[in-house]
């Protein structure tokens, strides 16, 4: 929410400099797209899960090459 508000304010400032009419719906759409690109929480959670799985896999007493290969691709 804070990022989205800051992006919206920054975009409004920039659009105000253009001195052209602005469609509010379009602004909200662009803000949502930028906010989504900036949100890395989901990627960090996924990386954490892969690191945990790699550690668990390395502790196994069985062949783990294919599993590790897959995990390395995910990293």
PDB file of N, CA and C in Angstrom:
ATOM      1  N   UNK A   1       0.815  -1.216   0.000  1.00  0.00           N
ATOM      2  CA  UNK A   1       0.000   0.000   0.000  1.00  0.00           C
ATOM      3  C   UNK A   1       0.850   1.267   0.000  1.00  0.00           C
ATOM      4  N   UNK A   2       1.940   1.280   0.769  1.00  0.00           N
ATOM      5  CA  UNK A   2       2.794   2.465   0.814  1.00  0.00           C
ATOM      6  C   UNK A   2       3.487   2.683  -0.526  1.00  0.00           C
ATOM      7  N   UNK A   3       3.953   1.606  -1.107  1.00  0.00           N
ATOM      8  CA  UNK A   3       4.627   1.702  -2.404  1.00  0.00           C
ATOM      9  C   UNK A   3       3.655   2.202  -3.455  1.00  0.00           C
ATOM     10  N   UNK A   4       2.453   1.648  -3.429  1.00  0.00           N
ATOM     11  CA  UNK A   4       1.443   2.039  -4.415  1.00  0.00           C
ATOM     12  C   UNK A   4       1.102   3.528  -4.290  1.00  0.00           C
ATOM     13  N   UNK A   5       0.967   4.013  -3.066  1.00  0.00           N
ATOM     14  CA  UNK A   5       0.661   5.426  -2.844  1.00  0.00           C
ATOM     15  C   UNK A   5       1.801   6.311  -3.335  1.00  0.00           C
ATOM     16  N   UNK A   6       3.022   5.916  -3.030  1.00  0.00           N
ATOM     17  CA  UNK A   6       4.180   6.698  -3.470  1.00  0.00           C
ATOM     18  C   UNK A   6       4.287   6.715  -4.994  1.00  0.00           C
ATOM     19  N   UNK A   7       4.057   5.568  -5.621  1.00  0.00           N
ATOM     20  CA  UNK A   7       4.097   5.507  -7.086  1.00  0.00           C
ATOM     21  C   UNK A   7       3.021   6.385  -7.701  1.00  0.00           C
ATOM     22  N   UNK A   8       1.827   6.321  -7.129  1.00  0.00           N
ATOM     23  CA  UNK A   8       0.715   7.122  -7.650  1.00  0.00           C
ATOM     24  C   UNK A   8       1.047   8.608  -7.560  1.00  0.00           C
ATOM     25  N   UNK A   9       1.569   9.031  -6.419  1.00  0.00           N
ATOM     26  CA  UNK A   9       1.928  10.436  -6.228  1.00  0.00           C
ATOM     27  C   UNK A   9       3.000  10.861  -7.224  1.00  0.00           C
ATOM     28  N   UNK A  10       4.011  10.018  -7.378  1.00  0.00           N
ATOM     29  CA  UNK A  10       5.098  10.338  -8.311  1.00  0.00           C
ATOM     30  C   UNK A  10       4.594  10.425  -9.746  1.00  0.00           C
ATOM     31  N   UNK A  11       3.718   9.491 -10.117  1.00  0.00           N
ATOM     32  CA  UNK A  11       3.173   9.515 -11.476  1.00  0.00           C
ATOM     33  C   UNK A  11       2.290  10.737 -11.691  1.00  0.00           C
ATOM     34  N   UNK A  12       1.493  11.091 -10.692  1.00  0.00           N
ATOM     35  CA  UNK A  12       0.650  12.286 -10.816  1.00  0.00           C
ATOM     36  C   UNK A  12       1.504  13.534 -11.001  1.00  0.00           C
ATOM     37  N   UNK A  13       2.597  13.623 -10.268  1.00  0.00           N
ATOM     38  CA  UNK A  13       3.505  14.761 -10.417  1.00  0.00           C
ATOM     39  C   UNK A  13       4.062  14.829 -11.835  1.00  0.00           C
ATOM     40  N   UNK A  14       4.486  13.697 -12.343  1.00  0.00           N
ATOM     41  CA  UNK A  14       5.056  13.670 -13.699  1.00  0.00           C
ATOM     42  C   UNK A  14       4.005  13.979 -14.761  1.00  0.00           C
ATOM     43  N   UNK A  15       2.821  13.424 -14.596  1.00  0.00           N
ATOM     44  CA  UNK A  15       1.755  13.674 -15.567  1.00  0.00           C
ATOM     45  C   UNK A  15       1.333  15.136 -15.512  1.00  0.00           C
ATOM     46  N   UNK A  16       1.359  15.718 -14.317  1.00  0.00           N
ATOM     47  CA  UNK A  16       1.025  17.134 -14.173  1.00  0.00           C
ATOM     48  C   UNK A  16       1.963  18.024 -14.963  1.00  0.00           C
ATOM     49  N   UNK A  17       3.188  17.602 -15.105  1.00  0.00           N
ATOM     50  CA  UNK A  17       4.169  18.355 -15.885  1.00  0.00           C
ATOM     51  C   UNK A  17       3.853  18.326 -17.376  1.00  0.00           C
ATOM     52  N   UNK A  18       3.113  17.317 -17.824  1.00  0.00           N
ATOM     53  CA  UNK A  18       2.786  17.187 -19.246  1.00  0.00           C
ATOM     54  C   UNK A  18       1.684  18.141 -19.687  1.00  0.00           C
ATOM     55  N   UNK A  19       0.895  18.607 -18.752  1.00  0.00           N
ATOM     56  CA  UNK A  19      -0.213  19.525 -19.026  1.00  0.00           C
ATOM     57  C   UNK A  19      -1.199  18.947 -20.033  1.00  0.00           C
ATOM     58  N   UNK A  20      -1.479  17.660 -19.915  1.00  0.00           N
ATOM     59  CA  UNK A  20      -2.467  17.004 -20.765  1.00  0.00           C
ATOM     60  C   UNK A  20      -3.478  16.301 -19.872  1.00  0.00           C
ATOM     61  N   UNK A  21      -4.703  16.128 -20.379  1.00  0.00           N
ATOM     62  CA  UNK A  21      -5.706  15.432 -19.569  1.00  0.00           C
ATOM     63  C   UNK A  21      -5.288  13.985 -19.289  1.00  0.00           C
ATOM     64  N   UNK A  22      -5.743  13.479 -18.153  1.00  0.00           N
ATOM     65  CA  UNK A  22      -5.354  12.142 -17.721  1.00  0.00           C
ATOM     66  C   UNK A  22      -6.585  11.326 -17.372  1.00  0.00           C
ATOM     67  N   UNK A  23      -6.620  10.116 -17.870  1.00  0.00           N
ATOM     68  CA  UNK A  23      -7.690   9.189 -17.522  1.00  0.00           C
ATOM     69  C   UNK A  23      -7.332   8.551 -16.179  1.00  0.00           C
ATOM     70  N   UNK A  24      -8.119   8.799 -15.120  1.00  0.00           N
ATOM     71  CA  UNK A  24      -7.802   8.253 -13.793  1.00  0.00           C
ATOM     72  C   UNK A  24      -7.710   6.726 -13.786  1.00  0.00           C
ATOM     73  N   UNK A  25      -8.539   6.066 -14.571  1.00  0.00           N
ATOM     74  CA  UNK A  25      -8.494   4.607 -14.639  1.00  0.00           C
ATOM     75  C   UNK A  25      -7.174   4.113 -15.191  1.00  0.00           C
ATOM     76  N   UNK A  26      -6.687   4.810 -16.186  1.00  0.00           N
ATOM     77  CA  UNK A  26      -5.403   4.435 -16.798  1.00  0.00           C
ATOM     78  C   UNK A  26      -4.257   4.620 -15.798  1.00  0.00           C
ATOM     79  N   UNK A  27      -4.313   5.707 -15.028  1.00  0.00           N
ATOM     80  CA  UNK A  27      -3.288   5.950 -14.015  1.00  0.00           C
ATOM     81  C   UNK A  27      -3.265   4.810 -12.999  1.00  0.00           C
ATOM     82  N   UNK A  28      -4.431   4.422 -12.507  1.00  0.00           N
ATOM     83  CA  UNK A  28      -4.510   3.337 -11.529  1.00  0.00           C
ATOM     84  C   UNK A  28      -3.974   2.032 -12.119  1.00  0.00           C
ATOM     85  N   UNK A  29      -4.257   1.798 -13.385  1.00  0.00           N
ATOM     86  CA  UNK A  29      -3.770   0.594 -14.053  1.00  0.00           C
ATOM     87  C   UNK A  29      -2.239   0.594 -14.114  1.00  0.00           C
ATOM     88  N   UNK A  30      -1.665   1.710 -14.484  1.00  0.00           N
ATOM     89  CA  UNK A  30      -0.208   1.813 -14.572  1.00  0.00           C
ATOM     90  C   UNK A  30       0.442   1.684 -13.196  1.00  0.00           C
ATOM     91  N   UNK A  31      -0.165   2.284 -12.183  1.00  0.00           N
ATOM     92  CA  UNK A  31       0.354   2.175 -10.819  1.00  0.00           C
ATOM     93  C   UNK A  31       0.334   0.717 -10.369  1.00  0.00           C
ATOM     94  N   UNK A  32      -0.750   0.011 -10.664  1.00  0.00           N
ATOM     95  CA  UNK A  32      -0.860  -1.401 -10.282  1.00  0.00           C
ATOM     96  C   UNK A  32       0.216  -2.240 -10.963  1.00  0.00           C
ATOM     97  N   UNK A  33       0.467  -1.967 -12.222  1.00  0.00           N
ATOM     98  CA  UNK A  33       1.494  -2.710 -12.962  1.00  0.00           C
ATOM     99  C   UNK A  33       2.876  -2.464 -12.353  1.00  0.00           C
ATOM    100  N   UNK A  34       3.192  -1.211 -12.071  1.00  0.00           N
ATOM    101  CA  UNK A  34       4.497  -0.896 -11.482  1.00  0.00           C
ATOM    102  C   UNK A  34       4.641  -1.492 -10.089  1.00  0.00           C
ATOM    103  N   UNK A  35       3.584  -1.419  -9.288  1.00  0.00           N
ATOM    104  CA  UNK A  35       3.635  -1.974  -7.932  1.00  0.00           C
ATOM    105  C   UNK A  35       3.861  -3.477  -7.981  1.00  0.00           C
ATOM    106  N   UNK A  36       3.220  -4.132  -8.913  1.00  0.00           N
ATOM    107  CA  UNK A  36       3.377  -5.580  -9.046  1.00  0.00           C
ATOM    108  C   UNK A  36       4.818  -5.936  -9.420  1.00  0.00           C
ATOM    109  N   UNK A  37       5.415  -5.156 -10.281  1.00  0.00           N
ATOM    110  CA  UNK A  37       6.799  -5.409 -10.683  1.00  0.00           C
ATOM    111  C   UNK A  37       7.764  -5.185  -9.521  1.00  0.00           C
ATOM    112  N   UNK A  38       7.419  -4.278  -8.621  1.00  0.00           N
ATOM    113  CA  UNK A  38       8.302  -3.956  -7.509  1.00  0.00           C
ATOM    114  C   UNK A  38       8.136  -4.907  -6.328  1.00  0.00           C
ATOM    115  N   UNK A  39       7.056  -5.672  -6.301  1.00  0.00           N
ATOM    116  CA  UNK A  39       6.783  -6.564  -5.180  1.00  0.00           C
ATOM    117  C   UNK A  39       7.563  -7.862  -5.355  1.00  0.00           C
ATOM    118  N   UNK A  40       8.573  -8.041  -4.540  1.00  0.00           N
ATOM    119  CA  UNK A  40       9.425  -9.218  -4.661  1.00  0.00           C
ATOM    120  C   UNK A  40       9.193 -10.228  -3.535  1.00  0.00           C
ATOM    121  N   UNK A  41       8.226  -9.961  -2.676  1.00  0.00           N
ATOM    122  CA  UNK A  41       7.974 -10.853  -1.544  1.00  0.00           C
ATOM    123  C   UNK A  41       7.704 -12.286  -1.989  1.00  0.00           C
ATOM    124  N   UNK A  42       6.908 -12.448  -3.020  1.00  0.00           N
ATOM    125  CA  UNK A  42       6.577 -13.790  -3.499  1.00  0.00           C
ATOM    126  C   UNK A  42       7.826 -14.520  -3.990  1.00  0.00           C
ATOM    127  N   UNK A  43       8.681 -13.818  -4.693  1.00  0.00           N
ATOM    128  CA  UNK A  43       9.916 -14.430  -5.191  1.00  0.00           C
ATOM    129  C   UNK A  43      10.852 -14.802  -4.042  1.00  0.00           C
ATOM    130  N   UNK A  44      10.916 -13.953  -3.024  1.00  0.00           N
ATOM    131  CA  UNK A  44      11.762 -14.263  -1.872  1.00  0.00           C
ATOM    132  C   UNK A  44      11.241 -15.482  -1.119  1.00  0.00           C
ATOM    133  N   UNK A  45       9.929 -15.602  -0.988  1.00  0.00           N
ATOM    134  CA  UNK A  45       9.336 -16.781  -0.346  1.00  0.00           C
ATOM    135  C   UNK A  45       9.660 -18.042  -1.133  1.00  0.00           C
ATOM    136  N   UNK A  46       9.556 -17.958  -2.435  1.00  0.00           N
ATOM    137  CA  UNK A  46       9.852 -19.103  -3.289  1.00  0.00           C
ATOM    138  C   UNK A  46      11.328 -19.498  -3.165  1.00  0.00           C
ATOM    139  N   UNK A  47      12.209 -18.517  -3.175  1.00  0.00           N
ATOM    140  CA  UNK A  47      13.639 -18.793  -3.031  1.00  0.00           C
ATOM    141  C   UNK A  47      13.928 -19.459  -1.689  1.00  0.00           C
ATOM    142  N   UNK A  48      13.300 -18.973  -0.632  1.00  0.00           N
ATOM    143  CA  UNK A  48      13.477 -19.560   0.696  1.00  0.00           C
ATOM    144  C   UNK A  48      13.039 -21.024   0.705  1.00  0.00           C
ATOM    145  N   UNK A  49      11.932 -21.313   0.065  1.00  0.00           N
ATOM    146  CA  UNK A  49      11.441 -22.691  -0.008  1.00  0.00           C
ATOM    147  C   UNK A  49      12.416 -23.575  -0.779  1.00  0.00           C
ATOM    148  N   UNK A  50      12.983 -23.065  -1.857  1.00  0.00           N
ATOM    149  CA  UNK A  50      13.934 -23.846  -2.648  1.00  0.00           C
ATOM    150  C   UNK A  50      15.235 -24.089  -1.878  1.00  0.00           C
ATOM    151  N   UNK A  51      15.688 -23.095  -1.138  1.00  0.00           N
ATOM    152  CA  UNK A  51      16.899 -23.272  -0.330  1.00  0.00           C
ATOM    153  C   UNK A  51      16.662 -24.338   0.736  1.00  0.00           C
ATOM    154  N   UNK A  52      15.514 -24.280   1.390  1.00  0.00           N
ATOM    155  CA  UNK A  52      15.177 -25.289   2.406  1.00  0.00           C
ATOM    156  C   UNK A  52      15.119 -26.683   1.795  1.00  0.00           C
ATOM    157  N   UNK A  53      14.514 -26.789   0.632  1.00  0.00           N
ATOM    158  CA  UNK A  53      14.417 -28.085  -0.044  1.00  0.00           C
ATOM    159  C   UNK A  53      15.799 -28.587  -0.465  1.00  0.00           C
ATOM    160  N   UNK A  54      16.674 -27.700  -0.911  1.00  0.00           N
ATOM    161  CA  UNK A  54      18.031 -28.105  -1.297  1.00  0.00           C
ATOM    162  C   UNK A  54      18.790 -28.632  -0.086  1.00  0.00           C
ATOM    163  N   UNK A  55      18.663 -27.959   1.034  1.00  0.00           N
ATOM    164  CA  UNK A  55      19.333 -28.424   2.258  1.00  0.00           C
ATOM    165  C   UNK A  55      18.808 -29.792   2.673  1.00  0.00           C
ATOM    166  N   UNK A  56      17.494 -29.958   2.626  1.00  0.00           N
ATOM    167  CA  UNK A  56      16.884 -31.236   2.989  1.00  0.00           C
ATOM    168  C   UNK A  56      17.366 -32.334   2.037  1.00  0.00           C
ATOM    169  N   UNK A  57      17.410 -32.019   0.764  1.00  0.00           N
ATOM    170  CA  UNK A  57      17.832 -32.988  -0.250  1.00  0.00           C
ATOM    171  C   UNK A  57      19.284 -33.410  -0.048  1.00  0.00           C
ATOM    172  N   UNK A  58      20.151 -32.462   0.290  1.00  0.00           N
ATOM    173  CA  UNK A  58      21.568 -32.776   0.489  1.00  0.00           C
ATOM    174  C   UNK A  58      21.802 -33.696   1.685  1.00  0.00           C
ATOM    175  N   UNK A  59      20.871 -33.748   2.602  1.00  0.00           N
ATOM    176  CA  UNK A  59      21.008 -34.610   3.778  1.00  0.00           C
ATOM    177  C   UNK A  59      20.531 -36.042   3.524  1.00  0.00           C
ATOM    178  N   UNK A  60      19.930 -36.296   2.381  1.00  0.00           N
ATOM    179  CA  UNK A  60      19.419 -37.633   2.080  1.00  0.00           C
ATOM    180  C   UNK A  60      20.559 -38.606   1.791  1.00  0.00           C
ATOM    181  N   UNK A  61      20.336 -39.869   2.124  1.00  0.00           N
ATOM    182  CA  UNK A  61      21.326 -40.917   1.854  1.00  0.00           C
ATOM    183  C   UNK A  61      20.940 -41.717   0.616  1.00  0.00           C
ATOM    184  N   UNK A  62      20.612 -41.008  -0.423  1.00  0.00           N
ATOM    185  CA  UNK A  62      20.220 -41.642  -1.683  1.00  0.00           C
ATOM    186  C   UNK A  62      20.645 -40.723  -2.824  1.00  0.00           C
ATOM    187  N   UNK A  63      20.642 -41.195  -4.058  1.00  0.00           N
ATOM    188  CA  UNK A  63      21.002 -40.335  -5.193  1.00  0.00           C
ATOM    189  C   UNK A  63      20.051 -39.132  -5.297  1.00  0.00           C
ATOM    190  N   UNK A  64      20.632 -37.951  -5.430  1.00  0.00           N
ATOM    191  CA  UNK A  64      19.815 -36.732  -5.443  1.00  0.00           C
ATOM    192  C   UNK A  64      20.132 -35.828  -6.630  1.00  0.00           C
ATOM    193  N   UNK A  65      20.882 -36.340  -7.594  1.00  0.00           N
ATOM    194  CA  UNK A  65      21.320 -35.514  -8.719  1.00  0.00           C
ATOM    195  C   UNK A  65      20.196 -34.845  -9.480  1.00  0.00           C
ATOM    196  N   UNK A  66      19.187 -35.605  -9.844  1.00  0.00           N
ATOM    197  CA  UNK A  66      18.080 -35.026 -10.621  1.00  0.00           C
ATOM    198  C   UNK A  66      17.336 -33.968  -9.820  1.00  0.00           C
ATOM    199  N   UNK A  67      17.113 -34.275  -8.556  1.00  0.00           N
ATOM    200  CA  UNK A  67      16.388 -33.316  -7.706  1.00  0.00           C
ATOM    201  C   UNK A  67      17.190 -32.025  -7.565  1.00  0.00           C
ATOM    202  N   UNK A  68      18.490 -32.146  -7.334  1.00  0.00           N
ATOM    203  CA  UNK A  68      19.330 -30.954  -7.218  1.00  0.00           C
ATOM    204  C   UNK A  68      19.406 -30.192  -8.535  1.00  0.00           C
ATOM    205  N   UNK A  69      19.442 -30.909  -9.640  1.00  0.00           N
ATOM    206  CA  UNK A  69      19.449 -30.255 -10.945  1.00  0.00           C
ATOM    207  C   UNK A  69      18.194 -29.401 -11.110  1.00  0.00           C
ATOM    208  N   UNK A  70      17.061 -29.961 -10.745  1.00  0.00           N
ATOM    209  CA  UNK A  70      15.805 -29.213 -10.823  1.00  0.00           C
ATOM    210  C   UNK A  70      15.854 -27.976  -9.928  1.00  0.00           C
ATOM    211  N   UNK A  71      16.324 -28.153  -8.694  1.00  0.00           N
ATOM    212  CA  UNK A  71      16.385 -27.020  -7.764  1.00  0.00           C
ATOM    213  C   UNK A  71      17.325 -25.930  -8.267  1.00  0.00           C
ATOM    214  N   UNK A  72      18.432 -26.312  -8.867  1.00  0.00           N
ATOM    215  CA  UNK A  72      19.367 -25.311  -9.390  1.00  0.00           C
ATOM    216  C   UNK A  72      18.725 -24.497 -10.513  1.00  0.00           C
ATOM    217  N   UNK A  73      17.899 -25.131 -11.308  1.00  0.00           N
ATOM    218  CA  UNK A  73      17.182 -24.400 -12.358  1.00  0.00           C
ATOM    219  C   UNK A  73      16.203 -23.406 -11.745  1.00  0.00           C
ATOM    220  N   UNK A  74      15.618 -23.770 -10.622  1.00  0.00           N
ATOM    221  CA  UNK A  74      14.669 -22.882  -9.955  1.00  0.00           C
ATOM    222  C   UNK A  74      15.353 -21.676  -9.326  1.00  0.00           C
ATOM    223  N   UNK A  75      16.621 -21.865  -8.908  1.00  0.00           N
ATOM    224  CA  UNK A  75      17.362 -20.740  -8.336  1.00  0.00           C
ATOM    225  C   UNK A  75      17.585 -19.703  -9.401  1.00  0.00           C
TER     226      UNK A  75
END
